[in-house]
Amino acid sequence: MNNTLQRRSLIATMAAIALMTQTTNTWSQPMPPLGNNKVTITFYNYNLASAGLGADATKELIREFMAANPGVTVEGVAVPSSDMTTRLQADLAAGRTPDLAQLVFNDLDHIVRNFGVQALQDIVPAADWKSHTEGMVPAGLELAAFGGKMYGLAFTFSTPVLWYNADLLKAAGLDADKPPSTWDEVKSAALAVKAKTGKDGFYGSFYSQFDWALQGLILSNGGRVLSKDRKRLMFGEPEAVKTIEMLRDMVDAGAHTTVSETDVMDNMRNGRLAMVLTTSAYQRSLMNAAKGKFDLRAAKMPAFAGKPAVPTNSGSGLFILAKDPLKQRAAWELMKFLTSKQGYTTITTKIGYLPLRLDIVKDPKYLATWVAENPLIMPNIEQLSRLQPWESIPGNNYKQIQKIEVQAVNEAVFGKGNVAAIMQDAQKRAQALMPR
């Protein structure tokens, strides 16, 4: 790790520790113990809505929790991630408040301001918080912090991982033991695969409504999507434009496939694509598809020449919405279980997401044996020291702003218009929707 990255990592760690210290000093303790009470809580969860994103593993975790806490009944409600905020808004308006919800991090600003999410230091005993979060990655804890308070805990999240088919790289005359580490190398490798095998070379998950990987790509080139004071959009600024121009160049050269993301993942599983940059949520399905067919490997997020890669996070956190103290206690106990050493072990081994507790990676009781047998997780884990939060856009128009941004990126990358003009026009239109 170079000096710049070391400083960034240290600053992030110190900031997280300062936040935890600050909030711990103001923690209140109104929660009653569960005792012999019986309580039922509802848990809105998007992993339950998709077999490919860990529905079975999530059901297993809920069953284990209820077995260990026989007084608590957890009613899991499957809600797709793309529908979560809409469902919450409708249910809250109808007086149906879930007690615990798995919410996507790019909704953080909106959910804190509009959904009555409970700040944890307002309901969780200070000693309980301190003991539970001991050993957690500070940069990961920071993901659910907003306005100086902690609102949740990171649950299922990833950094951008470069999955690659080592057999296709070898067939193209490349060294599969040295995967591309820069975007220039990704382009070169993708073109070699296309020329030598006829298969597609690369795809990056930068074009959906969830712009987490796009934000990391722009950050890696010195740009930003949102200003640090959260008042000004910046995805039409020169650094961001140059980033999008890099993607357009790859598409125009034939290095970047133009098929849909759904087809891309099918192509990756079937050995028709050499490289894809995406979430580790696909780890299990990719491993299953590759078994006995091709050599699947993983690498860190590529960088721009002379600049460090800046990985951002995908995924979700767990947030308490319950107002009843006993339901708050039950929801907190479930949160603790899901983010415990055993919880993260299940999440990592059976879904592929990151553990927020790195001490379990080398602990034979938890992940050590599995990691030794499944080294694909290591690039993702190694990027945690450089993790930067996925920024949530402020204001009630944030989804419309995201739509404008993503539509512009799609047009700029896969169309024929001037990239700078497209992105600058989109930024101007989106800025008009920002809070004033």
Protein backbone atom coordinates (compact mmCIF):
# COMPACT_ATOMS: atom_id res chain seq x y z
CA MET A 1 0.00 0.00 0.00
CA ASN A 2 1.51 3.41 -0.99
CA ASN A 3 1.75 6.35 1.38
CA THR A 4 -1.35 8.08 -0.02
CA LEU A 5 -3.48 4.99 0.52
CA GLN A 6 -2.03 4.47 3.98
CA ARG A 7 -2.99 8.03 4.92
CA ARG A 8 -6.50 7.58 3.51
CA SER A 9 -6.93 4.33 5.42
CA LEU A 10 -5.66 5.93 8.65
CA ILE A 11 -7.91 8.97 8.22
CA ALA A 12 -10.95 6.75 7.59
CA THR A 13 -10.13 4.64 10.64
CA MET A 14 -9.63 7.68 12.88
CA ALA A 15 -12.87 9.25 11.62
CA ALA A 16 -14.85 6.10 12.33
CA ILE A 17 -13.33 5.73 15.78
CA ALA A 18 -14.07 9.39 16.52
CA LEU A 19 -17.67 8.95 15.40
CA MET A 20 -18.12 5.83 17.51
CA THR A 21 -16.56 7.58 20.53
CA GLN A 22 -18.70 10.65 20.05
CA THR A 23 -21.94 8.74 19.69
CA THR A 24 -21.14 6.27 22.48
CA ASN A 25 -20.84 9.16 24.90
CA THR A 26 -24.41 10.22 24.11
CA TRP A 27 -25.99 6.76 24.02
CA SER A 28 -29.19 6.21 25.94
CA GLN A 29 -30.46 2.87 27.26
CA PRO A 30 -34.27 2.62 27.07
CA MET A 31 -34.39 -0.94 25.69
CA PRO A 32 -35.85 -3.56 27.99
CA PRO A 33 -34.28 -7.03 28.04
CA LEU A 34 -36.17 -9.74 26.16
CA GLY A 35 -36.45 -11.88 29.27
CA ASN A 36 -39.35 -14.32 28.96
CA ASN A 37 -41.36 -11.98 26.76
CA LYS A 38 -42.72 -13.24 23.47
CA VAL A 39 -42.56 -10.85 20.54
CA THR A 40 -43.05 -10.98 16.78
CA ILE A 41 -41.11 -8.70 14.45
CA THR A 42 -41.31 -8.13 10.71
CA PHE A 43 -38.10 -8.06 8.68
CA TYR A 44 -38.15 -6.58 5.16
CA ASN A 45 -35.33 -8.25 3.28
CA TYR A 46 -34.37 -8.17 -0.39
CA ASN A 47 -32.10 -11.22 -0.27
CA LEU A 48 -35.25 -13.23 0.45
CA ALA A 49 -36.63 -12.05 -2.90
CA SER A 50 -33.83 -13.60 -4.97
CA ALA A 51 -32.40 -17.11 -4.89
CA GLY A 52 -29.29 -15.79 -6.64
CA LEU A 53 -28.70 -13.20 -3.90
CA GLY A 54 -28.92 -15.53 -0.94
CA ALA A 55 -32.56 -16.29 -0.16
CA ASP A 56 -31.75 -19.74 1.25
CA ALA A 57 -28.84 -18.44 3.34
CA THR A 58 -31.01 -15.65 4.76
CA LYS A 59 -33.78 -18.10 5.68
CA GLU A 60 -31.17 -20.27 7.38
CA LEU A 61 -29.92 -17.32 9.44
CA ILE A 62 -33.45 -16.40 10.52
CA ARG A 63 -34.16 -20.00 11.56
CA GLU A 64 -30.94 -20.15 13.58
CA PHE A 65 -31.78 -16.89 15.33
CA MET A 66 -35.27 -18.04 16.30
CA ALA A 67 -33.89 -21.35 17.57
CA ALA A 68 -31.50 -19.42 19.82
CA ASN A 69 -34.22 -16.93 20.83
CA PRO A 70 -37.44 -18.98 21.18
CA GLY A 71 -39.40 -16.00 22.45
CA VAL A 72 -38.89 -14.09 19.19
CA THR A 73 -40.75 -14.83 15.97
CA VAL A 74 -39.27 -13.23 12.84
CA GLU A 75 -41.60 -12.76 9.90
CA GLY A 76 -39.37 -12.34 6.87
CA VAL A 77 -40.92 -10.28 4.07
CA ALA A 78 -39.32 -10.64 0.63
CA VAL A 79 -39.07 -7.26 -1.13
CA PRO A 80 -36.87 -6.76 -4.24
CA SER A 81 -34.19 -4.13 -3.65
CA SER A 82 -35.52 -1.99 -6.51
CA ASP A 83 -38.97 -1.90 -4.86
CA MET A 84 -37.90 -1.45 -1.24
CA THR A 85 -38.37 2.31 -0.81
CA THR A 86 -41.67 2.31 -2.72
CA ARG A 87 -42.96 -0.57 -0.59
CA LEU A 88 -41.84 1.14 2.60
CA GLN A 89 -43.49 4.42 1.66
CA ALA A 90 -46.78 2.69 0.91
CA ASP A 91 -46.72 0.56 4.06
CA LEU A 92 -45.76 3.44 6.33
CA ALA A 93 -48.58 5.53 4.87
CA ALA A 94 -50.95 2.66 5.64
CA GLY A 95 -49.69 2.35 9.20
CA ARG A 96 -47.75 -0.87 8.59
CA THR A 97 -44.25 -0.24 9.92
CA PRO A 98 -41.68 -3.03 9.60
CA ASP A 99 -39.53 -3.50 12.65
CA LEU A 100 -36.27 -4.17 10.81
CA ALA A 101 -35.38 -3.52 7.17
CA GLN A 102 -32.51 -4.29 4.84
CA LEU A 103 -32.06 -1.03 2.95
CA VAL A 104 -29.75 -0.13 0.08
CA PHE A 105 -27.05 2.37 0.99
CA ASN A 106 -27.78 4.81 -1.84
CA ASP A 107 -31.16 5.45 -0.16
CA LEU A 108 -29.51 6.45 3.14
CA ASP A 109 -30.19 10.19 3.00
CA HIS A 110 -33.84 9.64 2.05
CA ILE A 111 -34.63 6.89 4.53
CA VAL A 112 -33.08 8.75 7.47
CA ARG A 113 -35.06 11.89 6.69
CA ASN A 114 -38.36 10.28 5.73
CA PHE A 115 -38.82 6.76 7.09
CA GLY A 116 -38.40 7.20 10.83
CA VAL A 117 -35.30 5.02 10.99
CA GLN A 118 -34.06 4.92 14.58
CA ALA A 119 -30.62 6.30 15.39
CA LEU A 120 -28.96 3.43 17.21
CA GLN A 121 -27.50 5.56 19.99
CA ASP A 122 -31.06 6.63 20.84
CA ILE A 123 -32.22 3.06 21.53
CA VAL A 124 -29.23 0.72 22.02
CA PRO A 125 -27.38 0.44 25.35
CA ALA A 126 -23.90 1.90 25.00
CA ALA A 127 -22.11 -1.11 26.45
CA ASP A 128 -24.01 -3.41 24.10
CA TRP A 129 -23.00 -1.36 21.06
CA LYS A 130 -19.38 -1.21 22.15
CA SER A 131 -19.06 -4.95 22.74
CA HIS A 132 -20.86 -5.90 19.53
CA THR A 133 -18.93 -3.59 17.20
CA GLU A 134 -15.52 -4.40 18.65
CA GLY A 135 -13.33 -5.73 15.86
CA MET A 136 -15.53 -4.48 13.02
CA VAL A 137 -13.85 -2.73 10.08
CA PRO A 138 -14.12 1.04 10.77
CA ALA A 139 -14.67 1.91 7.09
CA GLY A 140 -17.51 -0.62 7.00
CA LEU A 141 -19.13 0.74 10.16
CA GLU A 142 -19.07 4.19 8.63
CA LEU A 143 -21.33 3.12 5.76
CA ALA A 144 -24.50 3.56 7.85
CA ALA A 145 -23.42 6.80 9.56
CA PHE A 146 -25.29 9.98 8.69
CA GLY A 147 -25.21 13.43 10.20
CA GLY A 148 -22.99 12.35 13.09
CA LYS A 149 -25.19 9.43 14.13
CA MET A 150 -25.14 5.69 13.51
CA TYR A 151 -28.34 4.45 11.91
CA GLY A 152 -27.52 0.87 11.01
CA LEU A 153 -24.97 -1.83 10.41
CA ALA A 154 -23.54 -2.99 7.10
CA PHE A 155 -25.15 -6.34 6.30
CA THR A 156 -24.53 -7.55 2.73
CA PHE A 157 -22.05 -5.51 0.72
CA SER A 158 -19.17 -5.84 -1.70
CA THR A 159 -16.48 -3.83 -3.42
CA PRO A 160 -16.10 -4.02 -7.24
CA VAL A 161 -14.48 -7.36 -8.12
CA LEU A 162 -12.94 -8.25 -11.49
CA TRP A 163 -14.14 -11.79 -12.16
CA TYR A 164 -12.25 -13.43 -15.00
CA ASN A 165 -12.13 -16.64 -16.99
CA ALA A 166 -8.47 -17.66 -16.76
CA ASP A 167 -8.89 -20.18 -19.60
CA LEU A 168 -9.96 -17.44 -22.04
CA LEU A 169 -7.04 -15.23 -21.01
CA LYS A 170 -4.66 -18.13 -21.57
CA ALA A 171 -6.23 -18.89 -24.94
CA ALA A 172 -5.57 -15.27 -25.90
CA GLY A 173 -1.87 -15.70 -25.05
CA LEU A 174 -2.10 -13.76 -21.78
CA ASP A 175 -0.69 -14.55 -18.35
CA ALA A 176 -3.73 -15.55 -16.29
CA ASP A 177 -1.64 -15.29 -13.12
CA LYS A 178 -1.25 -11.57 -13.79
CA PRO A 179 -4.76 -10.28 -14.50
CA PRO A 180 -5.22 -6.69 -15.74
CA SER A 181 -4.56 -4.15 -13.01
CA THR A 182 -5.19 -0.98 -15.05
CA TRP A 183 -7.96 -0.01 -17.43
CA ASP A 184 -5.48 0.14 -20.31
CA GLU A 185 -4.59 -3.47 -19.54
CA VAL A 186 -8.28 -4.44 -19.36
CA LYS A 187 -8.82 -3.00 -22.84
CA SER A 188 -5.75 -4.71 -24.26
CA ALA A 189 -6.67 -8.08 -22.71
CA ALA A 190 -10.29 -7.82 -23.87
CA LEU A 191 -9.22 -7.10 -27.45
CA ALA A 192 -6.79 -10.03 -27.37
CA VAL A 193 -9.57 -12.37 -26.19
CA LYS A 194 -11.90 -11.10 -28.91
CA ALA A 195 -9.27 -11.54 -31.62
CA LYS A 196 -7.98 -14.96 -30.55
CA THR A 197 -11.16 -16.67 -29.28
CA GLY A 198 -14.12 -14.78 -30.74
CA LYS A 199 -15.55 -14.43 -27.23
CA ASP A 200 -16.43 -11.11 -25.60
CA GLY A 201 -13.70 -9.47 -23.56
CA PHE A 202 -15.15 -7.25 -20.81
CA TYR A 203 -18.23 -5.75 -19.20
CA GLY A 204 -18.50 -3.36 -16.24
CA SER A 205 -21.58 -3.01 -14.05
CA PHE A 206 -21.80 0.77 -14.37
CA TYR A 207 -25.16 1.21 -16.06
CA SER A 208 -27.99 0.23 -13.69
CA GLN A 209 -29.98 2.40 -11.26
CA PHE A 210 -27.44 1.42 -8.60
CA ASP A 211 -24.40 3.58 -9.41
CA TRP A 212 -22.09 2.24 -6.68
CA ALA A 213 -19.44 0.84 -9.05
CA LEU A 214 -19.69 3.89 -11.31
CA GLN A 215 -19.02 6.15 -8.32
CA GLY A 216 -15.90 4.13 -7.51
CA LEU A 217 -14.72 4.32 -11.12
CA ILE A 218 -15.12 8.11 -11.20
CA LEU A 219 -13.42 8.47 -7.80
CA SER A 220 -10.52 6.38 -9.12
CA ASN A 221 -9.97 8.95 -11.86
CA GLY A 222 -9.98 11.90 -9.46
CA GLY A 223 -13.62 12.86 -9.94
CA ARG A 224 -16.80 12.73 -7.89
CA VAL A 225 -20.52 12.26 -8.47
CA LEU A 226 -21.45 14.57 -5.56
CA SER A 227 -19.48 17.39 -3.96
CA LYS A 228 -18.18 16.86 -0.43
CA ASP A 229 -20.63 19.39 0.97
CA ARG A 230 -23.45 17.37 -0.71
CA LYS A 231 -24.80 20.42 -2.52
CA ARG A 232 -23.51 20.07 -6.08
CA LEU A 233 -23.61 17.22 -8.58
CA MET A 234 -20.33 16.60 -10.37
CA PHE A 235 -20.83 13.75 -12.84
CA GLY A 236 -20.52 16.21 -15.74
CA GLU A 237 -17.19 17.62 -14.54
CA PRO A 238 -13.96 16.96 -16.53
CA GLU A 239 -12.66 14.07 -14.40
CA ALA A 240 -16.00 12.24 -14.60
CA VAL A 241 -16.29 12.94 -18.32
CA LYS A 242 -12.84 11.49 -18.96
CA THR A 243 -13.89 8.39 -17.05
CA ILE A 244 -16.98 7.93 -19.22
CA GLU A 245 -14.89 8.61 -22.33
CA MET A 246 -12.66 5.69 -21.34
CA LEU A 247 -15.69 3.39 -21.32
CA ARG A 248 -16.90 4.76 -24.69
CA ASP A 249 -13.45 4.12 -26.14
CA MET A 250 -13.59 0.50 -24.95
CA VAL A 251 -17.03 0.03 -26.52
CA ASP A 252 -16.00 1.64 -29.80
CA ALA A 253 -12.87 -0.54 -29.94
CA GLY A 254 -14.88 -3.71 -29.34
CA ALA A 255 -13.27 -4.41 -25.97
CA HIS A 256 -16.46 -3.79 -23.97
CA THR A 257 -19.50 -5.90 -24.86
CA THR A 258 -22.80 -4.16 -25.54
CA VAL A 259 -25.19 -6.91 -24.43
CA SER A 260 -27.50 -6.39 -21.46
CA GLU A 261 -26.25 -7.04 -17.93
CA THR A 262 -28.59 -10.02 -17.57
CA ASP A 263 -27.11 -11.58 -20.69
CA VAL A 264 -23.63 -10.64 -19.54
CA MET A 265 -23.88 -12.74 -16.39
CA ASP A 266 -25.26 -15.67 -18.39
CA ASN A 267 -22.35 -15.29 -20.80
CA MET A 268 -19.90 -15.22 -17.90
CA ARG A 269 -21.39 -18.36 -16.39
CA ASN A 270 -21.31 -20.13 -19.76
CA GLY A 271 -17.71 -19.25 -20.61
CA ARG A 272 -18.54 -16.73 -23.35
CA LEU A 273 -17.13 -13.66 -21.56
CA ALA A 274 -13.60 -13.19 -20.26
CA MET A 275 -13.99 -10.47 -17.60
CA VAL A 276 -16.74 -8.71 -15.69
CA LEU A 277 -16.42 -6.09 -12.96
CA THR A 278 -19.32 -6.47 -10.57
CA THR A 279 -20.40 -7.37 -7.04
CA SER A 280 -19.32 -10.49 -5.17
CA ALA A 281 -23.02 -11.31 -4.75
CA TYR A 282 -22.53 -13.37 -7.92
CA GLN A 283 -19.71 -15.39 -6.36
CA ARG A 284 -21.74 -18.48 -5.52
CA SER A 285 -23.53 -18.69 -8.87
CA LEU A 286 -20.30 -18.08 -10.81
CA MET A 287 -18.44 -20.72 -8.81
CA ASN A 288 -21.21 -23.24 -9.37
CA ALA A 289 -21.31 -22.51 -13.10
CA ALA A 290 -17.54 -22.66 -13.54
CA LYS A 291 -17.01 -25.91 -11.63
CA GLY A 292 -15.53 -28.50 -13.97
CA LYS A 293 -15.92 -26.17 -16.97
CA PHE A 294 -13.47 -23.30 -16.69
CA ASP A 295 -10.99 -21.70 -14.32
CA LEU A 296 -12.81 -18.83 -12.55
CA ARG A 297 -10.64 -16.30 -10.76
CA ALA A 298 -11.00 -12.89 -9.14
CA ALA A 299 -8.87 -9.75 -9.04
CA LYS A 300 -9.03 -6.29 -7.53
CA MET A 301 -10.71 -3.35 -9.21
CA PRO A 302 -8.43 -2.03 -11.98
CA ALA A 303 -6.92 1.44 -11.64
CA PHE A 304 -6.24 4.33 -13.96
CA ALA A 305 -2.54 4.59 -14.78
CA GLY A 306 -0.65 6.36 -12.00
CA LYS A 307 -3.73 6.62 -9.75
CA PRO A 308 -4.98 4.33 -6.96
CA ALA A 309 -8.24 2.47 -7.50
CA VAL A 310 -10.94 3.68 -5.10
CA PRO A 311 -13.44 0.90 -4.38
CA THR A 312 -16.90 1.89 -3.23
CA ASN A 313 -19.46 -0.39 -1.61
CA SER A 314 -22.53 -2.03 -3.01
CA GLY A 315 -25.26 -3.56 -0.94
CA SER A 316 -27.17 -2.84 2.18
CA GLY A 317 -27.39 -2.19 5.88
CA LEU A 318 -29.82 -3.23 8.59
CA PHE A 319 -32.00 -0.46 10.02
CA ILE A 320 -34.49 -0.47 12.91
CA LEU A 321 -37.86 1.20 12.32
CA ALA A 322 -39.75 -0.26 15.31
CA LYS A 323 -41.07 2.25 17.84
CA ASP A 324 -42.10 -0.24 20.55
CA PRO A 325 -39.14 -0.77 22.94
CA LEU A 326 -39.61 -4.55 23.11
CA LYS A 327 -39.72 -4.86 19.32
CA GLN A 328 -36.67 -2.59 19.15
CA ARG A 329 -34.85 -4.97 21.48
CA ALA A 330 -35.85 -8.01 19.37
CA ALA A 331 -34.80 -6.22 16.17
CA TRP A 332 -31.47 -5.27 17.73
CA GLU A 333 -30.86 -8.85 18.85
CA LEU A 334 -31.55 -10.03 15.28
CA MET A 335 -29.21 -7.33 13.94
CA LYS A 336 -26.51 -8.52 16.31
CA PHE A 337 -26.98 -12.13 15.26
CA LEU A 338 -26.88 -11.34 11.54
CA THR A 339 -23.71 -9.24 11.95
CA SER A 340 -22.00 -11.60 14.39
CA LYS A 341 -18.97 -13.71 13.53
CA GLN A 342 -21.22 -16.63 12.69
CA GLY A 343 -23.62 -14.41 10.75
CA TYR A 344 -20.90 -12.98 8.54
CA THR A 345 -19.43 -16.46 8.07
CA THR A 346 -22.73 -17.62 6.58
CA ILE A 347 -23.08 -14.44 4.51
CA THR A 348 -19.58 -14.82 3.05
CA THR A 349 -19.56 -18.56 2.43
CA LYS A 350 -23.12 -18.98 1.18
CA ILE A 351 -23.67 -15.70 -0.65
CA GLY A 352 -20.26 -14.14 -1.29
CA TYR A 353 -20.53 -10.78 0.43
CA LEU A 354 -17.82 -9.27 2.60
CA PRO A 355 -17.48 -9.96 6.32
CA LEU A 356 -17.40 -6.76 8.37
CA ARG A 357 -15.19 -8.64 10.84
CA LEU A 358 -11.77 -9.36 9.36
CA ASP A 359 -10.59 -11.34 12.40
CA ILE A 360 -12.79 -14.25 11.28
CA VAL A 361 -10.89 -14.54 7.98
CA LYS A 362 -7.97 -16.24 9.75
CA ASP A 363 -9.99 -17.96 12.47
CA PRO A 364 -10.40 -21.71 11.80
CA LYS A 365 -13.66 -21.64 13.76
CA TYR A 366 -15.14 -19.35 11.12
CA LEU A 367 -13.67 -18.50 7.70
CA ALA A 368 -10.04 -19.63 7.68
CA THR A 369 -10.60 -23.07 6.16
CA TRP A 370 -13.17 -21.80 3.66
CA VAL A 371 -10.96 -18.89 2.54
CA ALA A 372 -8.04 -21.28 2.02
CA GLU A 373 -10.27 -23.39 -0.23
CA ASN A 374 -11.96 -20.38 -1.86
CA PRO A 375 -9.34 -17.67 -2.43
CA LEU A 376 -11.71 -15.79 -4.76
CA ILE A 377 -12.85 -13.72 -1.77
CA MET A 378 -9.41 -12.28 -1.04
CA PRO A 379 -9.28 -9.41 -3.61
CA ASN A 380 -12.59 -8.19 -2.20
CA ILE A 381 -11.33 -8.40 1.38
CA GLU A 382 -8.03 -6.70 0.53
CA GLN A 383 -9.89 -3.70 -0.91
CA LEU A 384 -11.63 -2.98 2.39
CA SER A 385 -8.69 -0.86 3.57
CA ARG A 386 -9.42 1.59 0.72
CA LEU A 387 -13.21 1.50 0.89
CA GLN A 388 -15.08 4.75 0.27
CA PRO A 389 -18.84 5.01 0.94
CA TRP A 390 -21.40 4.84 -1.85
CA GLU A 391 -22.81 8.38 -1.76
CA SER A 392 -26.54 8.81 -1.35
CA ILE A 393 -27.99 11.75 -3.27
CA PRO A 394 -29.83 14.25 -1.02
CA GLY A 395 -33.44 15.33 -1.40
CA ASN A 396 -36.73 13.75 -2.35
CA ASN A 397 -35.84 13.84 -6.05
CA TYR A 398 -32.84 11.56 -5.60
CA LYS A 399 -34.24 8.70 -7.66
CA GLN A 400 -35.01 11.01 -10.55
CA ILE A 401 -31.51 12.45 -10.30
CA GLN A 402 -30.02 8.96 -10.36
CA LYS A 403 -32.16 8.10 -13.38
CA ILE A 404 -30.88 11.16 -15.25
CA GLU A 405 -27.29 10.27 -14.35
CA VAL A 406 -27.54 6.61 -15.38
CA GLN A 407 -29.46 7.34 -18.59
CA ALA A 408 -26.77 9.85 -19.54
CA VAL A 409 -23.99 7.34 -18.85
CA ASN A 410 -25.73 4.72 -20.98
CA GLU A 411 -26.22 7.20 -23.82
CA ALA A 412 -22.63 8.44 -23.57
CA VAL A 413 -21.04 4.99 -23.46
CA PHE A 414 -23.19 3.05 -25.92
CA GLY A 415 -24.34 5.89 -28.18
CA LYS A 416 -22.58 8.12 -30.69
CA GLY A 417 -23.04 11.59 -29.21
CA ASN A 418 -20.40 13.81 -27.62
CA VAL A 419 -19.66 12.41 -24.17
CA ALA A 420 -18.90 15.76 -22.52
CA ALA A 421 -22.05 17.39 -23.91
CA ILE A 422 -24.24 14.50 -22.79
CA MET A 423 -22.87 14.39 -19.26
CA GLN A 424 -22.82 18.17 -18.79
CA ASP A 425 -26.42 18.51 -19.97
CA ALA A 426 -27.49 15.71 -17.62
CA GLN A 427 -25.71 17.33 -14.68
CA LYS A 428 -27.42 20.65 -15.39
CA ARG A 429 -30.87 19.03 -15.54
CA ALA A 430 -30.25 16.97 -12.42
CA GLN A 431 -28.82 19.89 -10.43
CA ALA A 432 -32.14 21.72 -10.89
CA LEU A 433 -33.75 18.89 -8.87
CA MET A 434 -31.33 19.14 -5.94
CA PRO A 435 -32.43 20.64 -2.59
CA ARG A 436 -31.85 24.39 -2.31
